[in-house]
Protein backbone atom coordinates (compact mmCIF):
# COMPACT_ATOMS: atom_id res chain seq x y z
CA UNK A 1 232.20 146.92 157.60
CA UNK A 2 229.45 149.64 157.27
CA UNK A 3 228.28 148.66 153.87
CA UNK A 4 227.68 144.92 155.87
CA UNK A 5 225.97 146.39 158.58
CA UNK A 6 223.76 148.44 156.22
CA UNK A 7 222.90 145.37 154.22
CA UNK A 8 221.77 143.58 157.29
CA UNK A 9 219.34 146.08 158.31
CA UNK A 10 217.66 146.52 154.86
CA UNK A 11 217.28 142.63 154.88
CA UNK A 12 215.75 142.42 158.46
CA UNK A 13 213.28 145.63 157.48
CA UNK A 14 212.18 143.72 154.44
CA UNK A 15 211.56 140.37 156.53
CA UNK A 16 209.74 142.00 159.25
CA UNK A 17 207.41 143.65 156.70
CA UNK A 18 206.61 140.09 154.84
CA UNK A 19 204.97 138.54 157.53
CA UNK A 20 202.64 141.56 158.75
CA UNK A 21 201.28 141.54 154.91
CA UNK A 22 201.27 137.37 155.07
CA UNK A 23 199.26 137.60 158.10
CA UNK A 24 196.61 140.19 157.14
CA UNK A 25 196.22 137.74 153.98
CA UNK A 26 195.89 134.74 156.14
CA UNK A 27 193.30 136.68 158.67
CA UNK A 28 191.17 137.64 155.67
CA UNK A 29 191.15 134.11 154.39
CA UNK A 30 190.45 132.79 157.84
CA UNK A 31 187.33 135.20 157.59
CA UNK A 32 186.21 133.89 154.58
CA UNK A 33 186.51 130.35 155.83
CA UNK A 34 184.46 131.39 158.66
CA UNK A 35 181.93 132.94 156.38
CA UNK A 36 181.85 129.72 154.25
CA UNK A 37 181.22 127.52 157.37
CA UNK A 38 178.11 129.69 158.37
CA UNK A 39 177.19 129.43 154.92
CA UNK A 40 177.21 125.77 154.88
CA UNK A 41 175.51 125.76 158.16
CA UNK A 42 172.69 127.80 156.74
CA UNK A 43 172.65 124.97 153.73
CA UNK A 44 172.16 121.95 155.83
CA UNK A 45 169.07 124.06 157.61
CA UNK A 46 167.59 124.22 154.62
CA UNK A 47 168.07 120.74 153.37
CA UNK A 48 166.55 119.43 156.41
CA UNK A 49 163.45 121.67 155.83
CA UNK A 50 162.86 120.62 152.25
CA UNK A 51 162.06 117.03 152.52
CA UNK A 52 159.22 117.44 149.78
CA UNK A 53 161.83 118.90 147.02
CA UNK A 54 164.14 116.02 146.75
CA UNK A 55 165.14 116.27 143.41
CA UNK A 56 165.87 120.04 143.77
CA UNK A 57 167.63 119.10 147.16
CA UNK A 58 170.00 116.80 145.40
CA UNK A 59 170.99 118.94 142.56
CA UNK A 60 171.85 121.52 145.28
CA UNK A 61 173.74 119.21 147.45
CA UNK A 62 175.91 117.97 144.23
CA UNK A 63 176.58 121.50 143.59
CA UNK A 64 177.72 122.27 147.25
CA UNK A 65 179.75 119.13 146.92
CA UNK A 66 181.64 120.47 144.15
CA UNK A 67 182.03 123.89 145.68
CA UNK A 68 183.27 122.48 148.85
CA UNK A 69 185.63 120.28 146.98
CA UNK A 70 187.36 123.38 144.89
CA UNK A 71 187.37 125.04 148.35
CA UNK A 72 189.36 121.93 149.76
CA UNK A 73 191.76 122.50 146.92
CA UNK A 74 192.30 126.03 147.33
CA UNK A 75 193.04 125.48 151.06
CA UNK A 76 195.32 122.70 150.35
CA UNK A 77 197.21 125.02 147.69
CA UNK A 78 197.16 127.96 150.65
CA UNK A 79 198.66 125.21 152.90
CA UNK A 80 201.56 124.25 150.58
CA UNK A 81 202.35 127.90 149.94
CA UNK A 82 202.60 128.67 153.78
CA UNK A 83 204.54 125.69 154.36
CA UNK A 84 207.34 126.97 151.33
CA UNK A 85 207.18 130.34 153.32
CA UNK A 86 207.54 128.68 156.45
CA UNK A 87 210.59 126.88 155.04
CA UNK A 88 212.02 130.11 153.31
CA UNK A 89 211.90 131.76 156.60
CA UNK A 90 213.37 129.17 158.56
CA UNK A 91 216.13 129.18 156.53
CA UNK A 92 216.27 132.74 156.45
CA UNK A 93 216.38 132.50 160.16
CA UNK A 94 219.15 130.04 160.12
CA UNK A 95 221.04 132.55 157.91
CA UNK A 96 220.41 135.33 160.59
CA UNK A 97 221.72 133.25 163.31
CA UNK A 98 225.00 132.57 161.44
CA UNK A 99 225.31 136.23 160.76
CA UNK A 100 224.54 137.04 164.13
CA UNK A 101 227.24 134.57 165.38
CA UNK A 102 229.86 136.10 162.96
CA UNK A 103 229.06 139.61 164.13
CA UNK A 104 228.97 138.80 167.95
CA UNK A 105 232.10 141.24 168.34
CA UNK A 106 230.15 144.18 167.29
CA UNK A 107 228.77 146.66 169.66
CA UNK A 108 226.15 145.59 172.52
CA UNK A 109 223.56 147.97 170.99
CA UNK A 110 223.65 146.45 167.55
CA UNK A 111 223.51 142.84 169.00
CA UNK A 112 220.55 143.64 171.02
CA UNK A 113 218.86 145.27 168.04
CA UNK A 114 219.68 142.08 165.99
CA UNK A 115 218.58 139.88 169.02
CA UNK A 116 215.20 141.96 169.23
CA UNK A 117 214.69 141.72 165.31
CA UNK A 118 215.36 137.92 165.56
CA UNK A 119 212.60 137.72 168.64
CA UNK A 120 210.19 139.54 166.53
CA UNK A 121 210.86 136.86 163.54
CA UNK A 122 210.70 133.91 165.69
CA UNK A 123 207.30 135.07 167.05
CA UNK A 124 206.06 135.60 163.72
CA UNK A 125 207.33 131.92 162.55
CA UNK A 126 205.44 130.79 165.84
CA UNK A 127 202.10 132.56 164.68
CA UNK A 128 202.51 131.38 161.01
CA UNK A 129 202.73 127.99 162.51
CA UNK A 130 199.56 128.37 164.71
CA UNK A 131 197.75 129.73 161.56
CA UNK A 132 198.84 126.68 159.62
CA UNK A 133 197.59 124.45 162.33
CA UNK A 134 194.50 126.27 162.31
CA UNK A 135 194.27 126.23 158.57
CA UNK A 136 194.52 122.28 158.93
CA UNK A 137 191.70 122.07 161.23
CA UNK A 138 189.74 124.15 159.10
CA UNK A 139 190.39 121.85 156.09
CA UNK A 140 189.55 118.90 158.28
CA UNK A 141 186.26 120.67 158.99
CA UNK A 142 185.47 120.96 155.41
CA UNK A 143 186.31 117.60 154.77
CA UNK A 144 183.75 116.30 157.34
CA UNK A 145 181.58 118.60 156.19
CA UNK A 146 181.56 117.32 152.69
CA UNK A 147 181.75 113.51 153.86
CA UNK A 148 178.32 114.55 155.72
CA UNK A 149 176.86 116.09 152.62
CA UNK A 150 177.82 112.97 150.48
CA UNK A 151 176.34 110.39 153.35
CA UNK A 152 173.16 112.63 153.20
CA UNK A 153 172.82 112.72 149.28
CA UNK A 154 173.49 108.95 149.38
CA UNK A 155 170.46 108.57 151.89
CA UNK A 156 168.02 111.05 150.13
CA UNK A 157 169.02 109.47 146.75
CA UNK A 158 168.13 105.79 148.23
CA UNK A 159 164.92 107.21 149.89
CA UNK A 160 164.11 108.68 146.10
CA UNK A 161 164.99 105.60 144.38
CA UNK A 162 162.45 103.82 146.90
CA UNK A 163 159.79 106.44 146.03
CA UNK A 164 160.05 106.12 142.31
CA UNK A 165 159.78 102.56 142.57
CA UNK A 166 156.69 102.85 144.80
CA UNK A 167 155.14 105.12 141.85
CA UNK A 168 156.15 103.02 139.28
CA UNK A 169 154.18 100.40 141.11
CA UNK A 170 151.18 102.32 141.47
CA UNK A 171 151.42 103.64 138.05
CA UNK A 172 151.24 100.07 136.86
CA UNK A 173 148.40 99.25 139.17
CA UNK A 174 146.32 102.39 137.73
CA UNK A 175 147.21 101.24 134.13
CA UNK A 176 146.10 98.08 134.71
CA UNK A 177 142.59 99.01 136.51
CA UNK A 178 142.36 101.82 133.55
CA UNK A 179 142.60 99.04 130.95
CA UNK A 180 140.37 96.84 133.01
CA UNK A 181 137.69 99.52 133.20
CA UNK A 182 138.04 100.48 129.54
CA UNK A 183 137.40 96.73 128.69
CA UNK A 184 134.49 96.56 131.10
CA UNK A 185 132.86 99.63 129.31
CA UNK A 186 133.19 97.45 126.14
CA UNK A 187 131.59 94.67 127.59
CA UNK A 188 128.85 96.60 129.15
CA UNK A 189 128.05 98.60 125.72
CA UNK A 190 127.85 94.96 123.98
CA UNK A 191 125.67 93.66 126.36
CA UNK A 192 123.40 96.90 126.34
CA UNK A 193 123.85 97.60 122.60
CA UNK A 194 119.88 96.73 121.69
CA UNK A 195 118.96 99.65 123.97
CA UNK A 196 120.73 102.11 121.94
CA UNK A 197 118.66 105.08 120.88
CA UNK A 198 116.27 104.20 123.66
CA UNK A 199 117.33 106.46 126.31
CA UNK A 200 120.42 104.59 127.29
CA UNK A 201 123.99 105.48 126.89
CA UNK A 202 127.61 103.98 128.01
CA UNK A 203 130.40 106.37 128.49
CA UNK A 204 133.96 106.21 130.24
CA UNK A 205 135.25 109.30 132.02
CA UNK A 206 137.47 109.85 134.90
CA UNK A 207 138.59 105.99 135.15
CA UNK A 208 134.82 105.21 135.74
CA UNK A 209 132.29 103.63 133.37
CA UNK A 210 128.93 105.61 133.57
CA UNK A 211 125.29 103.76 132.41
CA UNK A 212 122.73 106.29 132.10
CA UNK A 213 119.24 105.29 131.52
CA UNK A 214 116.82 107.82 130.78
CA UNK A 215 113.50 107.91 132.35
CA UNK A 216 111.47 106.79 129.46
CA UNK A 217 113.32 103.57 129.56
CA UNK A 218 112.92 102.77 133.03
CA UNK A 219 109.99 104.45 134.69
CA UNK A 220 106.23 106.30 134.24
CA UNK A 221 106.29 109.91 135.05
CA UNK A 222 106.27 110.35 138.85
CA UNK A 223 106.55 106.42 139.45
CA UNK A 224 109.58 104.63 140.85
CA UNK A 225 108.27 100.87 139.60
CA UNK A 226 110.71 99.94 136.67
CA UNK A 227 109.10 99.19 133.56
CA UNK A 228 109.51 95.63 131.95
CA UNK A 229 111.95 96.91 129.31
CA UNK A 230 113.95 98.68 131.69
CA UNK A 231 114.01 95.48 134.07
CA UNK A 232 115.62 93.60 131.00
CA UNK A 233 118.35 96.13 130.51
CA UNK A 234 119.22 95.90 134.12
CA UNK A 235 119.17 92.45 134.10
CA UNK A 236 121.60 92.19 131.15
CA UNK A 237 123.89 94.56 132.78
CA UNK A 238 123.76 92.22 135.89
CA UNK A 239 125.21 89.53 133.90
CA UNK A 240 128.32 91.36 133.02
CA UNK A 241 128.77 92.92 136.57
CA UNK A 242 128.22 89.28 137.79
CA UNK A 243 131.63 88.24 136.07
CA UNK A 244 133.48 91.12 137.11
CA UNK A 245 133.53 91.43 141.01
CA UNK A 246 136.54 93.85 141.48
CA UNK A 247 134.19 96.91 140.52
CA UNK A 248 132.21 98.56 143.01
CA UNK A 249 128.56 99.73 141.69
CA UNK A 250 126.86 103.18 142.48
CA UNK A 251 123.49 103.63 141.56
CA UNK A 252 122.29 107.36 141.50
CA UNK A 253 118.72 108.54 140.49
CA UNK A 254 118.34 112.18 139.19
CA UNK A 255 115.12 114.04 138.68
CA UNK A 256 114.49 117.45 137.02
CA UNK A 257 113.68 120.61 139.05
CA UNK A 258 109.79 120.29 138.87
CA UNK A 259 108.74 120.08 142.34
CA UNK A 260 106.98 116.54 142.50
CA UNK A 261 103.30 116.53 142.93
CA UNK A 262 102.45 113.00 143.46
CA UNK A 263 101.31 110.81 146.36
CA UNK A 264 102.18 107.70 147.87
CA UNK A 265 104.23 108.54 150.81
CA UNK A 266 107.04 110.52 148.60
CA UNK A 267 107.34 114.19 149.62
CA UNK A 268 109.73 115.66 146.92
CA UNK A 269 112.31 114.61 144.37
CA UNK A 270 114.74 113.79 146.89
CA UNK A 271 112.38 110.85 147.95
CA UNK A 272 111.61 109.99 144.15
CA UNK A 273 114.86 109.79 143.18
CA UNK A 274 116.16 107.60 146.11
CA UNK A 275 113.14 105.27 145.58
CA UNK A 276 114.11 105.06 141.73
CA UNK A 277 117.66 104.00 142.60
CA UNK A 278 116.75 101.81 145.23
CA UNK A 279 114.26 100.03 142.70
CA UNK A 280 116.97 99.50 140.42
CA UNK A 281 119.39 98.27 143.17
CA UNK A 282 116.99 95.44 143.77
CA UNK A 283 116.60 94.38 140.25
CA UNK A 284 120.13 94.35 139.92
CA UNK A 285 120.75 91.99 142.87
CA UNK A 286 117.72 89.59 142.12
CA UNK A 287 118.66 86.36 140.52
CA UNK A 288 122.23 87.39 140.35
CA UNK A 289 125.30 86.61 142.66
CA UNK A 290 126.44 90.32 142.94
CA UNK A 291 127.83 90.93 146.31
CA UNK A 292 125.36 93.47 147.70
CA UNK A 293 128.62 95.09 149.59
CA UNK A 294 129.73 96.15 146.41
CA UNK A 295 126.18 98.32 145.54
CA UNK A 296 125.50 101.55 146.85
CA UNK A 297 122.04 103.30 145.79
CA UNK A 298 121.70 107.13 146.35
CA UNK A 299 119.18 109.78 145.61
CA UNK A 300 120.32 112.99 143.89
CA UNK A 301 117.16 114.89 143.37
CA UNK A 302 117.26 117.60 140.80
CA UNK A 303 120.72 119.08 142.34
CA UNK A 304 123.22 117.48 139.56
CA UNK A 305 121.44 118.04 136.09
CA UNK A 306 123.32 117.11 132.96
CA UNK A 307 121.84 120.11 131.03
CA UNK A 308 121.39 123.56 132.66
CA UNK A 309 118.29 124.61 130.37
CA UNK A 310 114.45 124.79 131.25
CA UNK A 311 113.30 123.13 128.27
CA UNK A 312 111.14 120.09 128.15
CA UNK A 313 114.01 118.36 126.39
CA UNK A 314 116.80 119.48 128.80
CA UNK A 315 114.45 118.17 131.87
CA UNK A 316 113.72 114.87 129.90
CA UNK A 317 117.61 114.23 129.84
CA UNK A 318 117.89 115.12 133.40
CA UNK A 319 115.58 112.85 134.65
CA UNK A 320 117.82 109.80 134.50
CA UNK A 321 119.30 106.75 136.67
CA UNK A 322 123.33 106.34 136.33
CA UNK A 323 125.11 103.14 137.54
CA UNK A 324 128.36 104.34 137.98
CA UNK A 325 130.85 101.34 137.91
CA UNK A 326 134.00 101.98 139.80
CA UNK A 327 137.39 99.82 140.31
CA UNK A 328 138.18 98.71 143.69
CA UNK A 329 141.54 100.01 144.59
CA UNK A 330 142.07 98.02 147.48
CA UNK A 331 145.69 96.71 146.13
CA UNK A 332 146.42 100.56 145.51
CA UNK A 333 145.54 101.49 149.13
CA UNK A 334 147.73 98.77 150.69
CA UNK A 335 150.54 100.28 148.82
CA UNK A 336 150.20 103.57 150.18
CA UNK A 337 149.19 102.49 153.65
CA UNK A 338 153.03 100.52 153.68
CA UNK A 339 154.61 104.00 152.90
């Protein structure tokens, strides 16, 4: 009789210790879940603020989805473990009830002690059930967060695909324009080939064609009336530009840094460079079908030299007129506006 009673007391002591340790473990896991929840909220805020870093955000989102999936699997395993524990404790509870019924004839003090232990065990079971329900709610929250992140990831991916498509379209237009400008450079160089070595050069730079004519080809020193040879070169160029209406034309007059000392209403190098650019513009438009809206004339004075030296040779190179041919980008601007 005493051996049986001693076994019951030892068994109840072991059972009462087990739930307390499990409760602490579950409380720690619950705190970890709260920490993970706060972390995920911070991640979501960062994703909202970092719209211009789509590629990096998508990689981070994928990592978060993977992490959350692992968390969900871990929580599922914990749930199953708790369910098994609950089953074992329920079974133990049933065994204790049977034992209590069998020992109902023992002393009142013994019965009250067993009833108290049973009450404690039942309270522990209720706590475990509440914790299990809380854990289920947490799992549902995690699943909701995963679904939200997946939806956001899909949205970001779709937006990125649209932007990539627009970028490819823009690159195609720019490539087409660049090829057209290079072809134009070849046409211009071919049309003006007869003026090589006479102060005329044709170059391609930064997506533009530069036709540079030194002063000796166009003007007398200090004058802005174009010589006959220069007029011929400009008219030859006009023939090519007439056939390429998708090109804007900028005419820039440049002087050296020697102050202007001429007469005729021209005060300084600014005036001289502007008059020279305007004179070239008028020849370019005369007897041609070039739309005047395509053409701009500007005087740059001595403030944009090609050579910084102060020698006569350097100053001669700086005294020039540049015709800058730039492709129209109306199609490109339409795509940008649509964004």
